[in-house]
Amino acid sequence: GASMGGKLWWWLYCCEYDFLNEHIDGMLDTFIVEYQRHGGPLVEKEELRTQFIISAMCQGVGLLGAVPQIYRMCPKKEWPTISDRRDPRIAKNVDGKNTLRVYIGTFINICHIIRDWDVANRIDMWVDEWTAAACMPRKLPRMSFGTSVPVSTIPAFRSPGQLDYL
C-alpha cells in the first residue's frame, strides 16, 4: 500500500494549484488531527508532506509514459499554438473523457510543486535519512536543478502572474 502522504496526493492532485499551495498546511494539519482522533497514530507533519511530495514526483515520472497518449488526444503540431490549459483543445473532454485535461493539470501542479516547495532539498534530506537508516552509502550526488536553459523561459516555471493559467 501507499503511504498516508501518497494517499493524500492521490486525493488532492487535481486541485487547482493556487488552492493546493495556499491550503496544504491546513489540509495536512486537519488530516493529522482527524486521523488520530479516529484511532490512527499521530503522524509527523513534515514526514506526511515528504510522502506527499515523493508521491507527486513518482506520478510525474509515470506521466511521462503518457506523452504518446497525450499527443494522440491533442496532436503535437497543435501545442505551439496552445497558450493556456483552458484552451478548448485540451480543456474539453476528448472521446468523452477528461484524461487529457487531468494529465495536463497534473503536470502543471507537479511543475509548480517542484518550483515552489523546495523539492530537491526535501528529496535530498529523505535520501540522507534512508541511506543512514540502512547503513548504505549515498549512490547519487545531491540534487541540482541547474540547467543551461534559463528556467524563466520554461512556461511552467515562470513567475506567478506571468502565466496565471498555470
N, C-alpha and C. Protein backbone atom coordinates (compact mmCIF):
# COMPACT_ATOMS: atom_id res chain seq x y z
N GLY A 1 0.80 -1.19 0.00
CA GLY A 1 0.00 0.00 0.00
C GLY A 1 0.85 1.25 0.00
N ALA A 2 0.24 2.31 -0.40
CA ALA A 2 0.91 3.61 -0.44
C ALA A 2 0.98 4.20 0.96
N SER A 3 1.89 5.12 1.15
CA SER A 3 2.00 5.85 2.41
C SER A 3 0.77 6.75 2.58
N MET A 4 0.58 7.25 3.78
CA MET A 4 -0.52 8.19 4.02
C MET A 4 -0.36 9.43 3.15
N GLY A 5 0.86 9.93 3.04
CA GLY A 5 1.09 11.09 2.18
C GLY A 5 0.79 10.78 0.73
N GLY A 6 1.09 9.54 0.31
CA GLY A 6 0.77 9.12 -1.04
C GLY A 6 -0.73 9.08 -1.28
N LYS A 7 -1.45 8.58 -0.29
CA LYS A 7 -2.91 8.55 -0.42
C LYS A 7 -3.47 9.97 -0.49
N LEU A 8 -2.91 10.87 0.31
CA LEU A 8 -3.35 12.27 0.24
C LEU A 8 -3.06 12.87 -1.13
N TRP A 9 -1.89 12.58 -1.70
CA TRP A 9 -1.59 13.08 -3.04
C TRP A 9 -2.65 12.62 -4.03
N TRP A 10 -3.01 11.35 -4.00
CA TRP A 10 -3.97 10.83 -4.96
C TRP A 10 -5.37 11.38 -4.72
N TRP A 11 -5.65 11.87 -3.52
CA TRP A 11 -6.93 12.53 -3.26
C TRP A 11 -6.92 13.97 -3.75
N LEU A 12 -5.76 14.61 -3.72
CA LEU A 12 -5.70 16.06 -3.92
C LEU A 12 -5.01 16.50 -5.21
N TYR A 13 -4.48 15.60 -6.00
CA TYR A 13 -3.61 16.02 -7.11
C TYR A 13 -4.32 16.82 -8.19
N CYS A 14 -5.62 16.77 -8.24
CA CYS A 14 -6.34 17.55 -9.25
C CYS A 14 -6.82 18.91 -8.74
N CYS A 15 -6.43 19.27 -7.52
CA CYS A 15 -6.78 20.61 -7.00
C CYS A 15 -6.20 21.68 -7.92
N GLU A 16 -6.85 22.81 -7.94
CA GLU A 16 -6.22 23.97 -8.56
C GLU A 16 -4.96 24.25 -7.76
N TYR A 17 -3.85 24.51 -8.43
CA TYR A 17 -2.59 24.67 -7.72
C TYR A 17 -2.63 25.79 -6.68
N ASP A 18 -3.20 26.92 -7.02
CA ASP A 18 -3.23 28.02 -6.05
C ASP A 18 -3.93 27.60 -4.76
N PHE A 19 -5.01 26.85 -4.89
CA PHE A 19 -5.72 26.34 -3.71
C PHE A 19 -4.84 25.37 -2.94
N LEU A 20 -4.25 24.42 -3.65
CA LEU A 20 -3.38 23.43 -3.01
C LEU A 20 -2.23 24.11 -2.28
N ASN A 21 -1.56 25.02 -2.96
CA ASN A 21 -0.41 25.70 -2.38
C ASN A 21 -0.80 26.52 -1.14
N GLU A 22 -1.92 27.21 -1.23
CA GLU A 22 -2.37 28.06 -0.12
C GLU A 22 -2.84 27.25 1.08
N HIS A 23 -3.43 26.08 0.83
CA HIS A 23 -4.09 25.34 1.91
C HIS A 23 -3.42 24.03 2.30
N ILE A 24 -2.28 23.70 1.71
CA ILE A 24 -1.66 22.40 2.01
C ILE A 24 -1.36 22.25 3.50
N ASP A 25 -0.86 23.27 4.15
CA ASP A 25 -0.56 23.15 5.58
C ASP A 25 -1.82 22.85 6.38
N GLY A 26 -2.88 23.57 6.12
CA GLY A 26 -4.14 23.32 6.83
C GLY A 26 -4.70 21.95 6.54
N MET A 27 -4.59 21.50 5.29
CA MET A 27 -5.09 20.17 4.95
C MET A 27 -4.27 19.09 5.64
N LEU A 28 -2.95 19.26 5.69
CA LEU A 28 -2.12 18.29 6.40
C LEU A 28 -2.44 18.29 7.89
N ASP A 29 -2.58 19.47 8.48
CA ASP A 29 -2.92 19.57 9.90
C ASP A 29 -4.26 18.90 10.19
N THR A 30 -5.25 19.18 9.36
CA THR A 30 -6.58 18.59 9.56
C THR A 30 -6.52 17.08 9.44
N PHE A 31 -5.81 16.59 8.45
CA PHE A 31 -5.69 15.14 8.30
C PHE A 31 -5.06 14.52 9.54
N ILE A 32 -3.97 15.11 10.02
CA ILE A 32 -3.26 14.56 11.19
C ILE A 32 -4.19 14.50 12.40
N VAL A 33 -4.91 15.58 12.66
CA VAL A 33 -5.82 15.64 13.81
C VAL A 33 -6.93 14.60 13.67
N GLU A 34 -7.57 14.57 12.51
CA GLU A 34 -8.71 13.67 12.31
C GLU A 34 -8.29 12.20 12.27
N TYR A 35 -7.15 11.94 11.69
CA TYR A 35 -6.65 10.56 11.63
C TYR A 35 -6.40 10.04 13.04
N GLN A 36 -5.76 10.85 13.86
CA GLN A 36 -5.50 10.42 15.24
C GLN A 36 -6.80 10.35 16.04
N ARG A 37 -7.70 11.30 15.83
CA ARG A 37 -8.98 11.31 16.55
C ARG A 37 -9.80 10.06 16.27
N HIS A 38 -9.63 9.50 15.10
CA HIS A 38 -10.39 8.31 14.71
C HIS A 38 -9.58 7.03 14.86
N GLY A 39 -8.54 7.06 15.69
CA GLY A 39 -7.83 5.84 16.05
C GLY A 39 -6.49 5.61 15.41
N GLY A 40 -6.09 6.46 14.50
CA GLY A 40 -4.78 6.30 13.86
C GLY A 40 -3.68 6.86 14.74
N PRO A 41 -2.45 6.48 14.47
CA PRO A 41 -1.33 7.03 15.24
C PRO A 41 -1.08 8.49 14.86
N LEU A 42 -0.40 9.20 15.73
CA LEU A 42 -0.01 10.57 15.44
C LEU A 42 1.01 10.54 14.30
N VAL A 43 0.75 11.32 13.28
CA VAL A 43 1.61 11.38 12.10
C VAL A 43 2.39 12.69 12.16
N GLU A 44 3.68 12.63 11.87
CA GLU A 44 4.50 13.85 11.83
C GLU A 44 4.21 14.61 10.54
N LYS A 45 3.94 15.89 10.69
CA LYS A 45 3.53 16.72 9.55
C LYS A 45 4.57 16.75 8.44
N GLU A 46 5.83 16.94 8.77
CA GLU A 46 6.84 17.05 7.72
C GLU A 46 7.08 15.70 7.04
N GLU A 47 6.93 14.61 7.77
CA GLU A 47 7.02 13.28 7.14
C GLU A 47 5.85 13.11 6.17
N LEU A 48 4.65 13.51 6.58
CA LEU A 48 3.48 13.43 5.71
C LEU A 48 3.68 14.28 4.46
N ARG A 49 4.23 15.49 4.64
CA ARG A 49 4.49 16.37 3.49
C ARG A 49 5.52 15.73 2.54
N THR A 50 6.57 15.15 3.11
CA THR A 50 7.58 14.49 2.27
C THR A 50 6.96 13.33 1.50
N GLN A 51 6.14 12.53 2.14
CA GLN A 51 5.47 11.43 1.45
C GLN A 51 4.59 11.97 0.32
N PHE A 52 3.89 13.06 0.57
CA PHE A 52 3.02 13.70 -0.42
C PHE A 52 3.85 14.12 -1.63
N ILE A 53 4.97 14.79 -1.36
CA ILE A 53 5.82 15.29 -2.44
C ILE A 53 6.45 14.14 -3.22
N ILE A 54 6.96 13.13 -2.54
CA ILE A 54 7.57 12.00 -3.24
C ILE A 54 6.52 11.29 -4.10
N SER A 55 5.31 11.17 -3.61
CA SER A 55 4.24 10.57 -4.41
C SER A 55 3.94 11.41 -5.64
N ALA A 56 3.96 12.73 -5.49
CA ALA A 56 3.76 13.61 -6.64
C ALA A 56 4.87 13.40 -7.68
N MET A 57 6.11 13.33 -7.21
CA MET A 57 7.24 13.14 -8.13
C MET A 57 7.13 11.79 -8.84
N CYS A 58 6.73 10.76 -8.12
CA CYS A 58 6.56 9.43 -8.73
C CYS A 58 5.48 9.47 -9.80
N GLN A 59 4.36 10.15 -9.51
CA GLN A 59 3.32 10.25 -10.52
C GLN A 59 3.83 11.04 -11.72
N GLY A 60 4.61 12.08 -11.47
CA GLY A 60 5.17 12.86 -12.57
C GLY A 60 6.02 12.02 -13.50
N VAL A 61 6.85 11.16 -12.93
CA VAL A 61 7.67 10.26 -13.75
C VAL A 61 6.76 9.30 -14.52
N GLY A 62 5.75 8.77 -13.84
CA GLY A 62 4.82 7.86 -14.51
C GLY A 62 4.08 8.54 -15.66
N LEU A 63 3.74 9.80 -15.48
CA LEU A 63 3.02 10.52 -16.53
C LEU A 63 3.86 10.73 -17.78
N LEU A 64 5.17 10.69 -17.65
CA LEU A 64 6.00 10.81 -18.85
C LEU A 64 5.66 9.72 -19.85
N GLY A 65 5.25 8.57 -19.35
CA GLY A 65 4.83 7.48 -20.23
C GLY A 65 3.52 7.76 -20.95
N ALA A 66 2.79 8.78 -20.50
CA ALA A 66 1.51 9.12 -21.12
C ALA A 66 1.66 10.12 -22.26
N VAL A 67 2.87 10.61 -22.49
CA VAL A 67 3.06 11.62 -23.54
C VAL A 67 2.55 11.13 -24.90
N PRO A 68 2.83 9.90 -25.32
CA PRO A 68 2.26 9.46 -26.60
C PRO A 68 0.72 9.51 -26.62
N GLN A 69 0.10 9.15 -25.50
CA GLN A 69 -1.37 9.22 -25.42
C GLN A 69 -1.83 10.68 -25.48
N ILE A 70 -1.11 11.56 -24.82
CA ILE A 70 -1.43 12.99 -24.86
C ILE A 70 -1.38 13.48 -26.30
N TYR A 71 -0.36 13.08 -27.04
CA TYR A 71 -0.24 13.50 -28.44
C TYR A 71 -1.31 12.87 -29.32
N ARG A 72 -1.84 11.73 -28.95
CA ARG A 72 -2.96 11.16 -29.71
C ARG A 72 -4.23 11.97 -29.45
N MET A 73 -4.38 12.48 -28.22
CA MET A 73 -5.58 13.25 -27.87
C MET A 73 -5.50 14.68 -28.39
N CYS A 74 -4.29 15.22 -28.45
CA CYS A 74 -4.06 16.56 -28.99
C CYS A 74 -2.73 16.50 -29.73
N PRO A 75 -2.77 16.46 -31.05
CA PRO A 75 -1.55 16.27 -31.83
C PRO A 75 -0.44 17.27 -31.49
N LYS A 76 0.78 16.77 -31.58
CA LYS A 76 1.97 17.56 -31.26
C LYS A 76 2.00 18.89 -32.00
N LYS A 77 1.53 18.90 -33.25
CA LYS A 77 1.55 20.13 -34.05
C LYS A 77 0.65 21.22 -33.47
N GLU A 78 -0.32 20.85 -32.62
CA GLU A 78 -1.22 21.83 -32.01
C GLU A 78 -0.58 22.59 -30.85
N TRP A 79 0.35 21.96 -30.17
CA TRP A 79 0.87 22.50 -28.91
C TRP A 79 1.53 23.88 -29.02
N PRO A 80 2.26 24.18 -30.09
CA PRO A 80 2.86 25.53 -30.16
C PRO A 80 1.83 26.66 -30.13
N THR A 81 0.58 26.38 -30.50
CA THR A 81 -0.44 27.43 -30.52
C THR A 81 -1.35 27.39 -29.30
N ILE A 82 -1.11 26.48 -28.38
CA ILE A 82 -1.89 26.42 -27.15
C ILE A 82 -1.24 27.35 -26.14
N SER A 83 -2.00 28.34 -25.68
CA SER A 83 -1.41 29.34 -24.79
C SER A 83 -1.73 29.11 -23.32
N ASP A 84 -2.73 28.30 -23.01
CA ASP A 84 -3.03 28.01 -21.61
C ASP A 84 -3.83 26.72 -21.51
N ARG A 85 -3.97 26.22 -20.29
CA ARG A 85 -4.62 24.93 -20.07
C ARG A 85 -6.13 24.99 -20.26
N ARG A 86 -6.66 26.17 -20.43
CA ARG A 86 -8.10 26.30 -20.66
C ARG A 86 -8.44 26.33 -22.16
N ASP A 87 -7.42 26.19 -23.00
CA ASP A 87 -7.65 26.10 -24.44
C ASP A 87 -8.59 24.92 -24.69
N PRO A 88 -9.64 25.11 -25.48
CA PRO A 88 -10.61 24.03 -25.70
C PRO A 88 -9.99 22.72 -26.22
N ARG A 89 -8.87 22.81 -26.91
CA ARG A 89 -8.25 21.59 -27.43
C ARG A 89 -7.76 20.67 -26.32
N ILE A 90 -7.51 21.24 -25.14
CA ILE A 90 -7.09 20.39 -24.02
C ILE A 90 -8.05 20.46 -22.84
N ALA A 91 -8.91 21.47 -22.80
CA ALA A 91 -9.83 21.62 -21.67
C ALA A 91 -11.10 20.79 -21.82
N LYS A 92 -11.52 20.57 -23.05
CA LYS A 92 -12.75 19.81 -23.26
C LYS A 92 -12.46 18.32 -23.20
N ASN A 93 -13.50 17.55 -22.92
CA ASN A 93 -13.35 16.10 -22.94
C ASN A 93 -12.96 15.64 -24.34
N VAL A 94 -12.11 14.66 -24.41
CA VAL A 94 -11.70 14.05 -25.67
C VAL A 94 -12.25 12.63 -25.66
N ASP A 95 -13.04 12.30 -26.66
CA ASP A 95 -13.70 10.99 -26.72
C ASP A 95 -14.50 10.72 -25.45
N GLY A 96 -15.15 11.76 -24.93
CA GLY A 96 -15.98 11.62 -23.74
C GLY A 96 -15.23 11.48 -22.43
N LYS A 97 -13.92 11.71 -22.45
CA LYS A 97 -13.10 11.53 -21.24
C LYS A 97 -12.33 12.80 -20.92
N ASN A 98 -12.04 12.98 -19.63
CA ASN A 98 -11.27 14.14 -19.19
C ASN A 98 -9.79 13.84 -19.03
N THR A 99 -9.33 12.75 -19.59
CA THR A 99 -7.95 12.29 -19.39
C THR A 99 -6.92 13.35 -19.75
N LEU A 100 -7.05 13.97 -20.89
CA LEU A 100 -6.07 14.97 -21.32
C LEU A 100 -6.01 16.13 -20.33
N ARG A 101 -7.17 16.64 -19.96
CA ARG A 101 -7.23 17.75 -19.01
C ARG A 101 -6.58 17.38 -17.68
N VAL A 102 -6.85 16.17 -17.20
CA VAL A 102 -6.26 15.71 -15.93
C VAL A 102 -4.75 15.58 -16.06
N TYR A 103 -4.27 14.98 -17.15
CA TYR A 103 -2.82 14.83 -17.33
C TYR A 103 -2.13 16.19 -17.34
N ILE A 104 -2.67 17.13 -18.10
CA ILE A 104 -2.04 18.45 -18.21
C ILE A 104 -2.09 19.17 -16.86
N GLY A 105 -3.22 19.13 -16.20
CA GLY A 105 -3.33 19.76 -14.88
C GLY A 105 -2.36 19.15 -13.88
N THR A 106 -2.19 17.84 -13.95
CA THR A 106 -1.27 17.18 -13.03
C THR A 106 0.18 17.57 -13.33
N PHE A 107 0.55 17.58 -14.61
CA PHE A 107 1.90 18.04 -14.97
C PHE A 107 2.14 19.45 -14.45
N ILE A 108 1.16 20.33 -14.62
CA ILE A 108 1.31 21.71 -14.17
C ILE A 108 1.47 21.76 -12.66
N ASN A 109 0.62 21.03 -11.92
CA ASN A 109 0.74 21.02 -10.46
C ASN A 109 2.11 20.53 -10.02
N ILE A 110 2.59 19.47 -10.63
CA ILE A 110 3.89 18.91 -10.25
C ILE A 110 5.01 19.91 -10.56
N CYS A 111 4.95 20.56 -11.71
CA CYS A 111 5.97 21.58 -12.03
C CYS A 111 5.97 22.71 -11.01
N HIS A 112 4.79 23.16 -10.62
CA HIS A 112 4.71 24.22 -9.61
C HIS A 112 5.23 23.74 -8.26
N ILE A 113 4.91 22.52 -7.88
CA ILE A 113 5.42 21.97 -6.62
C ILE A 113 6.95 21.94 -6.64
N ILE A 114 7.53 21.48 -7.75
CA ILE A 114 8.99 21.46 -7.86
C ILE A 114 9.54 22.88 -7.71
N ARG A 115 8.89 23.83 -8.36
CA ARG A 115 9.36 25.21 -8.33
C ARG A 115 9.21 25.85 -6.95
N ASP A 116 8.11 25.57 -6.27
CA ASP A 116 7.75 26.34 -5.07
C ASP A 116 8.02 25.64 -3.74
N TRP A 117 8.17 24.34 -3.71
CA TRP A 117 8.17 23.61 -2.44
C TRP A 117 9.53 23.04 -2.05
N ASP A 118 10.60 23.52 -2.62
CA ASP A 118 11.96 23.09 -2.25
C ASP A 118 12.12 21.57 -2.37
N VAL A 119 11.63 21.04 -3.48
CA VAL A 119 11.59 19.58 -3.67
C VAL A 119 12.98 18.97 -3.68
N ALA A 120 13.93 19.57 -4.37
CA ALA A 120 15.27 18.97 -4.45
C ALA A 120 15.86 18.79 -3.05
N ASN A 121 15.77 19.81 -2.22
CA ASN A 121 16.31 19.72 -0.87
C ASN A 121 15.56 18.67 -0.05
N ARG A 122 14.24 18.64 -0.16
CA ARG A 122 13.44 17.68 0.61
C ARG A 122 13.80 16.24 0.20
N ILE A 123 13.95 15.99 -1.09
CA ILE A 123 14.31 14.64 -1.53
C ILE A 123 15.72 14.30 -1.08
N ASP A 124 16.64 15.26 -1.16
CA ASP A 124 17.99 15.02 -0.66
C ASP A 124 17.98 14.63 0.82
N MET A 125 17.20 15.35 1.62
CA MET A 125 17.12 15.02 3.05
C MET A 125 16.52 13.63 3.25
N TRP A 126 15.51 13.29 2.45
CA TRP A 126 14.88 11.98 2.54
C TRP A 126 15.88 10.88 2.19
N VAL A 127 16.66 11.08 1.13
CA VAL A 127 17.69 10.10 0.75
C VAL A 127 18.72 9.98 1.86
N ASP A 128 19.14 11.09 2.43
CA ASP A 128 20.10 11.05 3.54
C ASP A 128 19.55 10.23 4.71
N GLU A 129 18.29 10.44 5.07
CA GLU A 129 17.68 9.69 6.17
C GLU A 129 17.66 8.19 5.88
N TRP A 130 17.25 7.84 4.67
CA TRP A 130 17.13 6.42 4.32
C TRP A 130 18.49 5.74 4.19
N THR A 131 19.45 6.42 3.61
CA THR A 131 20.77 5.80 3.49
C THR A 131 21.41 5.64 4.86
N ALA A 132 21.20 6.60 5.75
CA ALA A 132 21.74 6.48 7.12
C ALA A 132 21.05 5.34 7.86
N ALA A 133 19.73 5.24 7.74
CA ALA A 133 18.99 4.19 8.44
C ALA A 133 19.37 2.81 7.92
N ALA A 134 19.67 2.71 6.64
CA ALA A 134 20.03 1.43 6.03
C ALA A 134 21.53 1.16 6.10
N CYS A 135 22.29 2.11 6.65
CA CYS A 135 23.76 2.00 6.72
C CYS A 135 24.35 1.74 5.34
N MET A 136 23.85 2.48 4.37
CA MET A 136 24.32 2.35 2.99
C MET A 136 24.86 3.69 2.52
N PRO A 137 25.87 3.66 1.66
CA PRO A 137 26.37 4.93 1.13
C PRO A 137 25.37 5.53 0.14
N ARG A 138 25.40 6.81 0.04
CA ARG A 138 24.57 7.51 -0.94
C ARG A 138 25.08 7.17 -2.33
N LYS A 139 24.19 6.78 -3.23
CA LYS A 139 24.61 6.37 -4.57
C LYS A 139 24.57 7.52 -5.57
N LEU A 140 23.78 8.52 -5.29
CA LEU A 140 23.63 9.63 -6.22
C LEU A 140 24.14 10.91 -5.59
N PRO A 141 24.67 11.81 -6.40
CA PRO A 141 25.06 13.11 -5.84
C PRO A 141 23.81 13.89 -5.41
N ARG A 142 24.01 14.91 -4.62
CA ARG A 142 22.88 15.74 -4.20
C ARG A 142 22.23 16.35 -5.44
N MET A 143 20.94 16.59 -5.35
CA MET A 143 20.18 17.08 -6.50
C MET A 143 20.51 18.53 -6.81
N SER A 144 20.41 18.87 -8.08
CA SER A 144 20.56 20.24 -8.52
C SER A 144 19.67 20.42 -9.72
N PHE A 145 18.99 21.54 -9.77
CA PHE A 145 18.16 21.82 -10.92
C PHE A 145 18.86 22.78 -11.86
N GLY A 146 20.20 22.78 -11.84
CA GLY A 146 20.95 23.62 -12.75
C GLY A 146 20.65 23.23 -14.18
N THR A 147 20.58 24.21 -15.04
CA THR A 147 20.25 23.95 -16.43
C THR A 147 20.90 25.02 -17.30
N SER A 148 21.17 24.66 -18.54
CA SER A 148 21.72 25.66 -19.45
C SER A 148 20.61 26.52 -20.04
N VAL A 149 19.36 26.11 -19.84
CA VAL A 149 18.21 26.88 -20.31
C VAL A 149 17.71 27.72 -19.15
N PRO A 150 17.59 29.03 -19.30
CA PRO A 150 17.07 29.83 -18.19
C PRO A 150 15.69 29.32 -17.78
N VAL A 151 15.53 28.99 -16.51
CA VAL A 151 14.28 28.42 -16.03
C VAL A 151 13.10 29.32 -16.35
N SER A 152 13.30 30.63 -16.34
CA SER A 152 12.20 31.56 -16.60
C SER A 152 11.66 31.44 -18.02
N THR A 153 12.39 30.76 -18.91
CA THR A 153 11.89 30.59 -20.27
C THR A 153 11.00 29.37 -20.40
N ILE A 154 10.95 28.54 -19.36
CA ILE A 154 10.09 27.36 -19.38
C ILE A 154 8.74 27.79 -18.81
N PRO A 155 7.64 27.70 -19.59
CA PRO A 155 6.36 28.25 -19.14
C PRO A 155 5.96 27.85 -17.73
N ALA A 156 6.10 26.61 -17.36
CA ALA A 156 5.64 26.17 -16.04
C ALA A 156 6.45 26.79 -14.91
N PHE A 157 7.63 27.34 -15.22
CA PHE A 157 8.50 27.88 -14.19
C PHE A 157 8.55 29.40 -14.19
N ARG A 158 7.74 30.04 -14.99
CA ARG A 158 7.71 31.49 -14.97
C ARG A 158 7.12 31.95 -13.64
N SER A 159 7.40 33.18 -13.30
CA SER A 159 6.92 33.67 -12.01
C SER A 159 5.40 33.75 -12.00
N PRO A 160 4.80 33.57 -10.81
CA PRO A 160 3.34 33.66 -10.71
C PRO A 160 2.87 35.00 -11.27
N GLY A 161 1.77 34.97 -11.96
CA GLY A 161 1.23 36.18 -12.56
C GLY A 161 1.57 36.30 -14.03
N GLN A 162 2.76 35.80 -14.43
CA GLN A 162 3.12 35.84 -15.85
C GLN A 162 2.20 34.94 -16.65
N LEU A 163 1.94 33.77 -16.12
CA LEU A 163 1.05 32.82 -16.77
C LEU A 163 0.02 32.39 -15.73
N ASP A 164 -0.99 33.20 -15.54
CA ASP A 164 -1.96 32.94 -14.49
C ASP A 164 -2.71 31.62 -14.70
N TYR A 165 -2.73 31.14 -15.92
CA TYR A 165 -3.45 29.90 -16.19
C TYR A 165 -2.75 28.69 -15.64
N LEU A 166 -1.48 28.78 -15.32
CA LEU A 166 -0.76 27.61 -14.82
C LEU A 166 -1.10 27.33 -13.40
